[in-house]
Amino acid sequence: MIVHSLVLLITISCLLFSCYHKTETTTAPTATDITEGKKQIAAMLDSFNVAAANADYVRYFNFFTDDATFNGTDATENWNKETYMAWAIPYFDKKTTWHFTAIKRNIYFGKYAGIAWFEELLNTQMKICRGSGVVVKVGNEWKVQQYVLSTSVPNSKLDAVISLKAAEEDSLINTLTSK
């Protein structure tokens, strides 16, 4: 009887403690969290880009959370991790991946220490692109939960680009709005 009471007391204590225990995703970041987090996130994003450039499929996709999403430059490229992996594998297999280098990066924290977001300008084979996304701390590692890649279009060239893509995207607009 005493053993059962003791086990029950320990179980209840653990449950109560777990309800009140704050994690990195629920606590406010300190100045140190922000400073160290920005360094860690920047290093992770640089390594992420190097893994893609080296066609290291496993390493590249390990930078994503299991529930990550990827939005590419084409309007149809809105994928979960599994779909993105399937799309990307032929490029990694043929070693014809992409090489992005950050030329300007901003990292932001809100009210939680384990969640941040970034936006960066990238030097790519497509010239300047913008990468942006959300990163979360999983254990001791920062991982990409959402990534958005977009091409930049100088305002002086926007009318010409709109003209080039109008027919294809008008068709996609019609398909998506008729559902």
Protein backbone atom coordinates (compact mmCIF):
# COMPACT_ATOMS: atom_id res chain seq x y z
CA MET A 1 0.00 0.00 0.00
CA ILE A 2 2.80 2.43 0.86
CA VAL A 3 4.61 1.58 -2.39
CA HIS A 4 1.43 2.23 -4.41
CA SER A 5 0.90 5.55 -2.63
CA LEU A 6 4.51 6.53 -3.24
CA VAL A 7 4.29 5.62 -6.94
CA LEU A 8 1.04 7.57 -7.24
CA LEU A 9 2.58 10.61 -5.49
CA ILE A 10 5.66 10.52 -7.77
CA THR A 11 3.47 10.15 -10.87
CA ILE A 12 1.25 13.08 -9.88
CA SER A 13 4.31 15.22 -9.06
CA CYS A 14 5.86 14.46 -12.46
CA LEU A 15 2.63 15.30 -14.24
CA LEU A 16 2.25 18.58 -12.36
CA PHE A 17 5.88 19.51 -12.98
CA SER A 18 5.59 18.77 -16.69
CA CYS A 19 2.53 21.01 -16.93
CA TYR A 20 4.42 23.93 -15.40
CA HIS A 21 7.84 23.30 -16.92
CA LYS A 22 8.60 25.93 -19.54
CA THR A 23 10.39 24.87 -22.68
CA GLU A 24 12.38 26.94 -25.15
CA THR A 25 9.27 27.32 -27.28
CA THR A 26 7.31 28.91 -24.45
CA THR A 27 9.88 31.07 -22.66
CA ALA A 28 10.91 34.57 -23.63
CA PRO A 29 14.37 34.83 -25.14
CA THR A 30 17.09 36.51 -23.14
CA ALA A 31 19.70 38.76 -24.74
CA THR A 32 22.09 35.79 -24.62
CA ASP A 33 19.49 33.52 -26.27
CA ILE A 34 19.16 36.04 -29.11
CA THR A 35 22.88 36.60 -29.59
CA GLU A 36 23.76 32.91 -29.46
CA GLY A 37 20.66 31.91 -31.41
CA LYS A 38 21.51 34.27 -34.27
CA LYS A 39 25.03 32.83 -34.48
CA GLN A 40 23.73 29.25 -34.42
CA ILE A 41 21.00 29.95 -36.97
CA ALA A 42 23.40 31.74 -39.33
CA ALA A 43 25.85 28.82 -39.11
CA MET A 44 23.02 26.33 -39.69
CA LEU A 45 21.74 28.23 -42.75
CA ASP A 46 25.27 28.42 -44.19
CA SER A 47 25.72 24.66 -43.63
CA PHE A 48 22.27 24.06 -45.15
CA ASN A 49 23.36 25.89 -48.31
CA VAL A 50 26.70 24.03 -48.43
CA ALA A 51 24.91 20.68 -48.10
CA ALA A 52 22.76 21.55 -51.13
CA ALA A 53 25.79 22.74 -53.12
CA ASN A 54 27.61 19.49 -52.29
CA ALA A 55 24.55 17.41 -53.26
CA ASP A 56 24.50 15.90 -49.77
CA TYR A 57 20.87 14.76 -49.74
CA VAL A 58 20.77 13.29 -46.22
CA ARG A 59 22.57 16.23 -44.60
CA TYR A 60 20.48 18.81 -46.49
CA PHE A 61 17.15 17.27 -45.54
CA ASN A 62 18.25 16.75 -41.92
CA PHE A 63 18.18 20.54 -41.60
CA PHE A 64 14.37 20.40 -41.98
CA THR A 65 11.87 19.45 -39.28
CA ASP A 66 9.71 16.43 -40.07
CA ASP A 67 6.70 18.70 -40.62
CA ALA A 68 8.58 21.29 -42.70
CA THR A 69 7.16 23.01 -45.76
CA PHE A 70 9.02 24.37 -48.77
CA ASN A 71 7.72 27.01 -51.17
CA GLY A 72 9.79 27.40 -54.33
CA THR A 73 9.98 30.08 -56.99
CA ASP A 74 7.24 28.51 -59.11
CA ALA A 75 3.68 29.02 -57.88
CA THR A 76 3.10 25.25 -57.94
CA GLU A 77 6.03 24.53 -55.62
CA ASN A 78 4.28 24.27 -52.26
CA TRP A 79 5.50 21.03 -50.72
CA ASN A 80 5.71 19.20 -47.44
CA LYS A 81 9.11 17.69 -46.62
CA GLU A 82 8.33 14.30 -48.12
CA THR A 83 7.13 15.78 -51.42
CA TYR A 84 10.09 18.16 -51.58
CA MET A 85 12.48 15.26 -50.98
CA ALA A 86 10.90 13.29 -53.83
CA TRP A 87 11.14 16.31 -56.16
CA ALA A 88 14.78 16.99 -55.23
CA ILE A 89 16.27 13.49 -55.30
CA PRO A 90 16.99 13.44 -59.07
CA TYR A 91 19.01 16.66 -58.73
CA PHE A 92 20.98 15.30 -55.79
CA ASP A 93 21.53 11.96 -57.54
CA LYS A 94 22.90 13.70 -60.66
CA LYS A 95 24.90 16.19 -58.54
CA THR A 96 23.08 19.04 -60.32
CA THR A 97 21.91 20.85 -57.22
CA TRP A 98 21.99 24.53 -56.45
CA HIS A 99 24.64 26.73 -54.89
CA PHE A 100 23.30 29.61 -52.81
CA THR A 101 25.43 32.00 -50.78
CA ALA A 102 23.93 34.52 -48.38
CA ILE A 103 24.94 38.08 -49.19
CA LYS A 104 22.67 39.71 -46.61
CA ARG A 105 20.79 38.05 -43.77
CA ASN A 106 18.46 39.15 -40.98
CA ILE A 107 17.35 36.87 -38.14
CA TYR A 108 14.53 37.77 -35.78
CA PHE A 109 13.17 36.46 -32.50
CA GLY A 110 9.70 37.07 -31.16
CA LYS A 111 8.48 36.21 -27.69
CA TYR A 112 9.73 32.60 -27.63
CA ALA A 113 13.38 31.54 -27.35
CA GLY A 114 13.00 28.43 -29.51
CA ILE A 115 11.35 30.04 -32.53
CA ALA A 116 12.91 32.52 -34.94
CA TRP A 117 12.52 33.64 -38.53
CA PHE A 118 14.91 34.88 -41.14
CA GLU A 119 15.09 36.57 -44.48
CA GLU A 120 18.16 36.72 -46.64
CA LEU A 121 19.36 37.78 -50.04
CA LEU A 122 21.13 34.97 -51.85
CA ASN A 123 23.65 34.94 -54.68
CA THR A 124 22.43 32.08 -56.91
CA GLN A 125 22.55 30.81 -60.48
CA MET A 126 19.26 32.72 -60.87
CA LYS A 127 21.07 35.90 -59.73
CA ILE A 128 19.64 37.46 -56.54
CA CYS A 129 16.97 35.42 -54.78
CA ARG A 130 15.34 35.82 -51.40
CA GLY A 131 15.19 33.00 -48.91
CA SER A 132 12.97 33.36 -45.90
CA GLY A 133 11.51 31.08 -43.34
CA VAL A 134 10.85 29.92 -39.83
CA VAL A 135 13.36 27.98 -37.74
CA VAL A 136 12.69 26.12 -34.50
CA LYS A 137 15.02 24.71 -31.91
CA VAL A 138 14.76 20.93 -31.69
CA GLY A 139 16.88 19.73 -28.79
CA ASN A 140 20.14 21.63 -29.25
CA GLU A 141 19.76 22.15 -33.00
CA TRP A 142 18.02 24.78 -35.08
CA LYS A 143 15.94 23.32 -37.91
CA VAL A 144 14.01 24.81 -40.81
CA GLN A 145 10.25 24.44 -40.36
CA GLN A 146 9.26 26.59 -43.32
CA TYR A 147 11.38 27.81 -46.22
CA VAL A 148 10.29 30.19 -48.96
CA LEU A 149 12.50 30.84 -51.98
CA SER A 150 11.63 33.69 -54.31
CA THR A 151 13.36 35.35 -57.20
CA SER A 152 13.82 39.08 -57.12
CA VAL A 153 12.61 41.21 -59.98
CA PRO A 154 13.89 44.77 -60.28
CA ASN A 155 10.94 47.15 -60.45
CA SER A 156 12.27 48.52 -63.74
CA LYS A 157 11.86 45.00 -65.28
CA LEU A 158 8.57 44.03 -63.66
CA ASP A 159 6.30 44.83 -66.63
CA ALA A 160 8.45 42.69 -68.95
CA VAL A 161 8.42 39.78 -66.48
CA ILE A 162 4.65 40.02 -66.04
CA SER A 163 4.26 39.88 -69.80
CA LEU A 164 6.49 36.78 -70.01
CA LYS A 165 4.61 34.84 -67.36
CA ALA A 166 1.05 36.07 -67.97
CA ALA A 167 -0.30 33.23 -70.14
CA GLU A 168 1.07 30.42 -67.97
CA GLU A 169 0.02 32.02 -64.71
CA ASP A 170 -3.39 33.13 -66.03
CA SER A 171 -4.05 29.45 -66.73
CA LEU A 172 -2.96 28.49 -63.21
CA ILE A 173 -5.10 31.29 -61.72
CA ASN A 174 -8.13 30.02 -63.63
CA THR A 175 -7.49 26.45 -62.50
CA LEU A 176 -7.04 27.41 -58.85
CA THR A 177 -10.01 29.80 -58.68
CA SER A 178 -12.44 27.44 -60.43
CA LYS A 179 -12.16 24.80 -57.70
